[in-house]
Amino acid sequence: MAADLTELRRLIDDIDDRLLDLLAERIAVAERVADYKRATGIPVRLPDRIEAVKARCAERGAARGLDPVYVRDLWGRIIEETCRLEERLIGTPA
């Protein structure tokens, strides 16, 4: 039984590593978004876009059997961190 749990934990660790890679990739793209926003004067925080992303992710998460409230909250945290990064890069207040 312990060997089975060890293997399951290893699988979760592998998934966690992939999630971290994807978050790092998302941040790298957000840096490019910040450059674009700086050059064009687009504000960092666009409430309609933020809401659309959270709603889309909640819906897609629900289609995969995930709690949409959990997904919406998780994406809220991800988006907040992304906005802070963009504000730091652009030089606007957080």
C-alpha atoms as a PDB file:
ATOM      1  CA  MET A   1       0.000   0.000   0.000  1.00  0.00           C
ATOM      2  CA  ALA A   2       2.781   2.458   0.907  1.00  0.00           C
ATOM      3  CA  ALA A   3       4.459   1.836  -2.448  1.00  0.00           C
ATOM      4  CA  ASP A   4       1.179   2.677  -4.184  1.00  0.00           C
ATOM      5  CA  LEU A   5       0.895   5.916  -2.212  1.00  0.00           C
ATOM      6  CA  THR A   6       4.502   6.765  -2.998  1.00  0.00           C
ATOM      7  CA  GLU A   7       3.827   6.284  -6.705  1.00  0.00           C
ATOM      8  CA  LEU A   8       0.650   8.370  -6.545  1.00  0.00           C
ATOM      9  CA  ARG A   9       2.525  11.145  -4.781  1.00  0.00           C
ATOM     10  CA  ARG A  10       5.224  11.003  -7.433  1.00  0.00           C
ATOM     11  CA  LEU A  11       2.537  11.417 -10.097  1.00  0.00           C
ATOM     12  CA  ILE A  12       1.146  14.442  -8.255  1.00  0.00           C
ATOM     13  CA  ASP A  13       4.655  15.894  -7.957  1.00  0.00           C
ATOM     14  CA  ASP A  14       5.110  15.472 -11.716  1.00  0.00           C
ATOM     15  CA  ILE A  15       1.802  17.235 -12.370  1.00  0.00           C
ATOM     16  CA  ASP A  16       2.816  20.031  -9.990  1.00  0.00           C
ATOM     17  CA  ASP A  17       6.056  20.477 -11.926  1.00  0.00           C
ATOM     18  CA  ARG A  18       4.123  20.736 -15.204  1.00  0.00           C
ATOM     19  CA  LEU A  19       1.737  23.268 -13.656  1.00  0.00           C
ATOM     20  CA  LEU A  20       4.715  25.340 -12.510  1.00  0.00           C
ATOM     21  CA  ASP A  21       6.208  25.194 -16.005  1.00  0.00           C
ATOM     22  CA  LEU A  22       2.907  26.437 -17.446  1.00  0.00           C
ATOM     23  CA  LEU A  23       2.680  29.244 -14.889  1.00  0.00           C
ATOM     24  CA  ALA A  24       6.222  30.312 -15.776  1.00  0.00           C
ATOM     25  CA  GLU A  25       5.271  30.235 -19.467  1.00  0.00           C
ATOM     26  CA  ARG A  26       2.187  32.350 -18.702  1.00  0.00           C
ATOM     27  CA  ILE A  27       4.341  34.894 -16.857  1.00  0.00           C
ATOM     28  CA  ALA A  28       6.756  35.068 -19.813  1.00  0.00           C
ATOM     29  CA  VAL A  29       3.841  35.887 -22.122  1.00  0.00           C
ATOM     30  CA  ALA A  30       2.543  38.440 -19.593  1.00  0.00           C
ATOM     31  CA  GLU A  31       5.906  40.207 -19.809  1.00  0.00           C
ATOM     32  CA  ARG A  32       5.337  40.583 -23.548  1.00  0.00           C
ATOM     33  CA  VAL A  33       1.794  41.800 -22.862  1.00  0.00           C
ATOM     34  CA  ALA A  34       3.239  44.428 -20.504  1.00  0.00           C
ATOM     35  CA  ASP A  35       5.569  45.644 -23.271  1.00  0.00           C
ATOM     36  CA  TYR A  36       2.600  45.932 -25.630  1.00  0.00           C
ATOM     37  CA  LYS A  37       0.467  47.731 -23.057  1.00  0.00           C
ATOM     38  CA  ARG A  38       3.303  50.142 -22.260  1.00  0.00           C
ATOM     39  CA  ALA A  39       3.800  50.934 -25.954  1.00  0.00           C
ATOM     40  CA  THR A  40       0.101  51.429 -26.668  1.00  0.00           C
ATOM     41  CA  GLY A  41      -1.095  52.957 -23.404  1.00  0.00           C
ATOM     42  CA  ILE A  42      -3.544  50.151 -22.673  1.00  0.00           C
ATOM     43  CA  PRO A  43      -4.266  49.912 -18.932  1.00  0.00           C
ATOM     44  CA  VAL A  44      -3.020  46.850 -17.074  1.00  0.00           C
ATOM     45  CA  ARG A  45      -6.354  46.062 -15.472  1.00  0.00           C
ATOM     46  CA  LEU A  46      -9.260  45.653 -17.855  1.00  0.00           C
ATOM     47  CA  PRO A  47     -12.190  44.482 -15.686  1.00  0.00           C
ATOM     48  CA  ASP A  48     -14.206  43.109 -18.627  1.00  0.00           C
ATOM     49  CA  ARG A  49     -11.233  41.027 -19.810  1.00  0.00           C
ATOM     50  CA  ILE A  50     -10.500  39.797 -16.286  1.00  0.00           C
ATOM     51  CA  GLU A  51     -14.113  38.733 -15.799  1.00  0.00           C
ATOM     52  CA  ALA A  52     -14.213  37.044 -19.214  1.00  0.00           C
ATOM     53  CA  VAL A  53     -11.066  35.020 -18.461  1.00  0.00           C
ATOM     54  CA  LYS A  54     -12.336  33.917 -15.050  1.00  0.00           C
ATOM     55  CA  ALA A  55     -15.749  32.978 -16.486  1.00  0.00           C
ATOM     56  CA  ARG A  56     -14.196  31.065 -19.406  1.00  0.00           C
ATOM     57  CA  CYS A  57     -11.870  29.150 -17.107  1.00  0.00           C
ATOM     58  CA  ALA A  58     -14.660  28.386 -14.621  1.00  0.00           C
ATOM     59  CA  GLU A  59     -16.804  27.042 -17.451  1.00  0.00           C
ATOM     60  CA  ARG A  60     -13.995  24.960 -18.928  1.00  0.00           C
ATOM     61  CA  GLY A  61     -13.052  23.709 -15.483  1.00  0.00           C
ATOM     62  CA  ALA A  62     -16.646  22.675 -14.787  1.00  0.00           C
ATOM     63  CA  ALA A  63     -16.664  20.767 -18.076  1.00  0.00           C
ATOM     64  CA  ARG A  64     -13.682  18.833 -16.704  1.00  0.00           C
ATOM     65  CA  GLY A  65     -15.394  18.052 -13.414  1.00  0.00           C
ATOM     66  CA  LEU A  66     -13.759  20.849 -11.408  1.00  0.00           C
ATOM     67  CA  ASP A  67     -15.629  23.120  -9.020  1.00  0.00           C
ATOM     68  CA  PRO A  68     -16.175  26.351 -10.990  1.00  0.00           C
ATOM     69  CA  VAL A  69     -15.915  28.459  -7.813  1.00  0.00           C
ATOM     70  CA  TYR A  70     -12.504  26.913  -7.105  1.00  0.00           C
ATOM     71  CA  VAL A  71     -11.350  27.535 -10.680  1.00  0.00           C
ATOM     72  CA  ARG A  72     -12.642  31.127 -10.655  1.00  0.00           C
ATOM     73  CA  ASP A  73     -10.843  31.806  -7.358  1.00  0.00           C
ATOM     74  CA  LEU A  74      -7.639  30.177  -8.593  1.00  0.00           C
ATOM     75  CA  TRP A  75      -7.661  32.208 -11.791  1.00  0.00           C
ATOM     76  CA  GLY A  76      -8.368  35.325  -9.777  1.00  0.00           C
ATOM     77  CA  ARG A  77      -5.122  34.724  -7.890  1.00  0.00           C
ATOM     78  CA  ILE A  78      -3.215  33.994 -11.098  1.00  0.00           C
ATOM     79  CA  ILE A  79      -4.588  37.116 -12.785  1.00  0.00           C
ATOM     80  CA  GLU A  80      -3.846  39.286  -9.745  1.00  0.00           C
ATOM     81  CA  GLU A  81      -0.213  38.177  -9.732  1.00  0.00           C
ATOM     82  CA  THR A  82       0.020  38.743 -13.489  1.00  0.00           C
ATOM     83  CA  CYS A  83      -1.384  42.267 -13.107  1.00  0.00           C
ATOM     84  CA  ARG A  84       1.116  43.022 -10.336  1.00  0.00           C
ATOM     85  CA  LEU A  85       3.933  41.874 -12.618  1.00  0.00           C
ATOM     86  CA  GLU A  86       2.655  44.017 -15.497  1.00  0.00           C
ATOM     87  CA  GLU A  87       2.300  47.042 -13.205  1.00  0.00           C
ATOM     88  CA  ARG A  88       5.833  46.534 -11.934  1.00  0.00           C
ATOM     89  CA  LEU A  89       7.189  46.290 -15.485  1.00  0.00           C
ATOM     90  CA  ILE A  90       5.190  49.245 -16.767  1.00  0.00           C
ATOM     91  CA  GLY A  91       5.753  51.320 -13.660  1.00  0.00           C
ATOM     92  CA  THR A  92       2.144  51.843 -12.613  1.00  0.00           C
ATOM     93  CA  PRO A  93       0.919  51.446  -9.020  1.00  0.00           C
ATOM     94  CA  ALA A  94      -0.183  48.003  -7.877  1.00  0.00           C
END
